[in-house]
Amino acid sequence: MKINEVRELTTSELKDKLYSLKEQLFELRRKKAVGALERGEDVRDVRKDIARVNLVLREREIAENK
């Protein structure tokens, strides 16, 4: 997911996306612990997507307060 794609989403869509990404990260970590994770890069990619969503949410929060 690119940052431009994230910025196009509404705030409510971003919060839903953040929730689903956190669930996905939990499942990936569980698979990693069991040894069933095929691609270790997936954990990194999901963590970066979570960071992007949090960045845009924070930018919008700061913009509202100004």
N, C-alpha and C. Protein backbone atom coordinates (compact mmCIF):
# COMPACT_ATOMS: atom_id res chain seq x y z
N MET A 1 0.83 -1.16 0.00
CA MET A 1 0.00 0.00 0.00
C MET A 1 0.89 1.24 0.00
N LYS A 2 0.66 2.10 -0.95
CA LYS A 2 1.44 3.33 -1.07
C LYS A 2 0.82 4.44 -0.23
N ILE A 3 1.61 5.43 0.11
CA ILE A 3 1.14 6.53 0.94
C ILE A 3 0.05 7.32 0.24
N ASN A 4 0.12 7.44 -1.08
CA ASN A 4 -0.93 8.15 -1.82
C ASN A 4 -2.26 7.43 -1.72
N GLU A 5 -2.24 6.11 -1.71
CA GLU A 5 -3.46 5.33 -1.56
C GLU A 5 -4.05 5.54 -0.18
N VAL A 6 -3.20 5.64 0.81
CA VAL A 6 -3.66 5.83 2.19
C VAL A 6 -4.29 7.20 2.34
N ARG A 7 -3.70 8.22 1.75
CA ARG A 7 -4.21 9.59 1.88
C ARG A 7 -5.56 9.77 1.20
N GLU A 8 -5.89 8.93 0.24
CA GLU A 8 -7.17 9.03 -0.46
C GLU A 8 -8.33 8.49 0.38
N LEU A 9 -8.05 7.69 1.40
CA LEU A 9 -9.10 7.11 2.23
C LEU A 9 -9.64 8.13 3.23
N THR A 10 -10.90 7.95 3.62
CA THR A 10 -11.49 8.81 4.64
C THR A 10 -10.98 8.38 6.01
N THR A 11 -11.24 9.19 7.01
CA THR A 11 -10.76 8.90 8.35
C THR A 11 -11.38 7.61 8.89
N SER A 12 -12.66 7.41 8.66
CA SER A 12 -13.30 6.19 9.14
C SER A 12 -12.77 4.96 8.41
N GLU A 13 -12.48 5.10 7.13
CA GLU A 13 -11.89 4.00 6.37
C GLU A 13 -10.48 3.69 6.88
N LEU A 14 -9.75 4.73 7.27
CA LEU A 14 -8.41 4.54 7.81
C LEU A 14 -8.45 3.79 9.13
N LYS A 15 -9.41 4.13 9.98
CA LYS A 15 -9.52 3.44 11.26
C LYS A 15 -9.88 1.97 11.06
N ASP A 16 -10.77 1.69 10.09
CA ASP A 16 -11.11 0.31 9.77
C ASP A 16 -9.90 -0.44 9.21
N LYS A 17 -9.16 0.23 8.36
CA LYS A 17 -7.96 -0.36 7.76
C LYS A 17 -6.92 -0.65 8.83
N LEU A 18 -6.76 0.26 9.78
CA LEU A 18 -5.81 0.07 10.87
C LEU A 18 -6.18 -1.15 11.70
N TYR A 19 -7.46 -1.30 11.99
CA TYR A 19 -7.93 -2.46 12.76
C TYR A 19 -7.64 -3.76 12.02
N SER A 20 -7.94 -3.79 10.72
CA SER A 20 -7.71 -5.01 9.95
C SER A 20 -6.22 -5.32 9.81
N LEU A 21 -5.39 -4.28 9.69
CA LEU A 21 -3.95 -4.50 9.61
C LEU A 21 -3.39 -5.05 10.91
N LYS A 22 -3.91 -4.57 12.04
CA LYS A 22 -3.45 -5.08 13.33
C LYS A 22 -3.86 -6.54 13.51
N GLU A 23 -5.07 -6.89 13.04
CA GLU A 23 -5.49 -8.29 13.09
C GLU A 23 -4.58 -9.15 12.21
N GLN A 24 -4.26 -8.64 11.03
CA GLN A 24 -3.40 -9.37 10.11
C GLN A 24 -2.01 -9.56 10.72
N LEU A 25 -1.49 -8.54 11.38
CA LEU A 25 -0.19 -8.64 12.03
C LEU A 25 -0.21 -9.69 13.13
N PHE A 26 -1.29 -9.73 13.88
CA PHE A 26 -1.43 -10.73 14.94
C PHE A 26 -1.38 -12.14 14.36
N GLU A 27 -2.11 -12.35 13.26
CA GLU A 27 -2.12 -13.67 12.63
C GLU A 27 -0.74 -14.04 12.08
N LEU A 28 -0.04 -13.08 11.51
CA LEU A 28 1.30 -13.35 10.99
C LEU A 28 2.27 -13.70 12.12
N ARG A 29 2.16 -12.99 13.23
CA ARG A 29 3.04 -13.30 14.37
C ARG A 29 2.73 -14.68 14.93
N ARG A 30 1.45 -15.03 14.95
CA ARG A 30 1.07 -16.35 15.43
C ARG A 30 1.64 -17.43 14.53
N LYS A 31 1.53 -17.23 13.22
CA LYS A 31 2.08 -18.20 12.27
C LYS A 31 3.59 -18.31 12.42
N LYS A 32 4.24 -17.17 12.66
CA LYS A 32 5.69 -17.18 12.82
C LYS A 32 6.09 -17.99 14.05
N ALA A 33 5.34 -17.85 15.13
CA ALA A 33 5.65 -18.57 16.36
C ALA A 33 5.48 -20.07 16.18
N VAL A 34 4.51 -20.46 15.38
CA VAL A 34 4.24 -21.88 15.14
C VAL A 34 5.20 -22.45 14.11
N GLY A 35 5.74 -21.57 13.28
CA GLY A 35 6.66 -22.02 12.24
C GLY A 35 5.98 -22.22 10.90
N ALA A 36 4.77 -21.68 10.75
CA ALA A 36 4.01 -21.86 9.52
C ALA A 36 4.11 -20.66 8.59
N LEU A 37 4.89 -19.67 8.95
CA LEU A 37 5.01 -18.46 8.13
C LEU A 37 5.97 -18.73 6.98
N GLU A 38 5.47 -18.53 5.76
CA GLU A 38 6.30 -18.79 4.58
C GLU A 38 7.18 -17.61 4.22
N ARG A 39 6.61 -16.41 4.30
CA ARG A 39 7.36 -15.21 3.93
C ARG A 39 7.50 -14.30 5.14
N GLY A 40 8.71 -14.16 5.63
CA GLY A 40 8.96 -13.30 6.77
C GLY A 40 8.80 -11.83 6.44
N GLU A 41 8.87 -11.48 5.17
CA GLU A 41 8.74 -10.08 4.75
C GLU A 41 7.33 -9.56 4.97
N ASP A 42 6.36 -10.48 5.05
CA ASP A 42 4.97 -10.06 5.23
C ASP A 42 4.79 -9.29 6.53
N VAL A 43 5.47 -9.71 7.58
CA VAL A 43 5.38 -9.02 8.87
C VAL A 43 5.89 -7.60 8.72
N ARG A 44 7.01 -7.44 8.08
CA ARG A 44 7.60 -6.11 7.87
C ARG A 44 6.66 -5.22 7.04
N ASP A 45 6.09 -5.79 5.99
CA ASP A 45 5.21 -5.01 5.12
C ASP A 45 3.96 -4.53 5.86
N VAL A 46 3.38 -5.39 6.67
CA VAL A 46 2.19 -5.01 7.43
C VAL A 46 2.54 -3.94 8.46
N ARG A 47 3.69 -4.07 9.11
CA ARG A 47 4.11 -3.06 10.09
C ARG A 47 4.30 -1.70 9.42
N LYS A 48 4.83 -1.69 8.21
CA LYS A 48 5.01 -0.44 7.48
C LYS A 48 3.67 0.16 7.07
N ASP A 49 2.72 -0.69 6.68
CA ASP A 49 1.39 -0.20 6.34
C ASP A 49 0.70 0.41 7.56
N ILE A 50 0.88 -0.22 8.73
CA ILE A 50 0.31 0.32 9.96
C ILE A 50 0.92 1.70 10.24
N ALA A 51 2.21 1.83 10.04
CA ALA A 51 2.89 3.11 10.27
C ALA A 51 2.37 4.18 9.31
N ARG A 52 2.12 3.81 8.07
CA ARG A 52 1.60 4.78 7.10
C ARG A 52 0.21 5.27 7.50
N VAL A 53 -0.64 4.34 7.92
CA VAL A 53 -1.99 4.72 8.32
C VAL A 53 -1.93 5.62 9.56
N ASN A 54 -1.10 5.26 10.53
CA ASN A 54 -0.97 6.10 11.73
C ASN A 54 -0.44 7.49 11.39
N LEU A 55 0.48 7.58 10.43
CA LEU A 55 1.02 8.86 10.00
C LEU A 55 -0.07 9.76 9.44
N VAL A 56 -0.89 9.21 8.57
CA VAL A 56 -1.95 10.02 7.94
C VAL A 56 -3.00 10.42 8.98
N LEU A 57 -3.34 9.50 9.88
CA LEU A 57 -4.29 9.84 10.93
C LEU A 57 -3.76 10.98 11.81
N ARG A 58 -2.50 10.92 12.15
CA ARG A 58 -1.88 11.96 12.97
C ARG A 58 -1.82 13.29 12.22
N GLU A 59 -1.50 13.26 10.92
CA GLU A 59 -1.47 14.48 10.11
C GLU A 59 -2.84 15.15 10.12
N ARG A 60 -3.89 14.34 9.98
CA ARG A 60 -5.24 14.90 9.97
C ARG A 60 -5.62 15.46 11.34
N GLU A 61 -5.19 14.80 12.39
CA GLU A 61 -5.48 15.27 13.74
C GLU A 61 -4.81 16.63 13.98
N ILE A 62 -3.58 16.77 13.55
CA ILE A 62 -2.86 18.03 13.71
C ILE A 62 -3.50 19.13 12.87
N ALA A 63 -3.94 18.80 11.67
CA ALA A 63 -4.56 19.78 10.79
C ALA A 63 -5.88 20.26 11.37
N GLU A 64 -6.62 19.40 12.05
CA GLU A 64 -7.89 19.80 12.66
C GLU A 64 -7.67 20.77 13.81
N ASN A 65 -6.58 20.61 14.54
CA ASN A 65 -6.32 21.45 15.71
C ASN A 65 -5.79 22.83 15.36
N LYS A 66 -5.39 23.03 14.13
CA LYS A 66 -4.87 24.34 13.72
C LYS A 66 -5.98 25.25 13.27
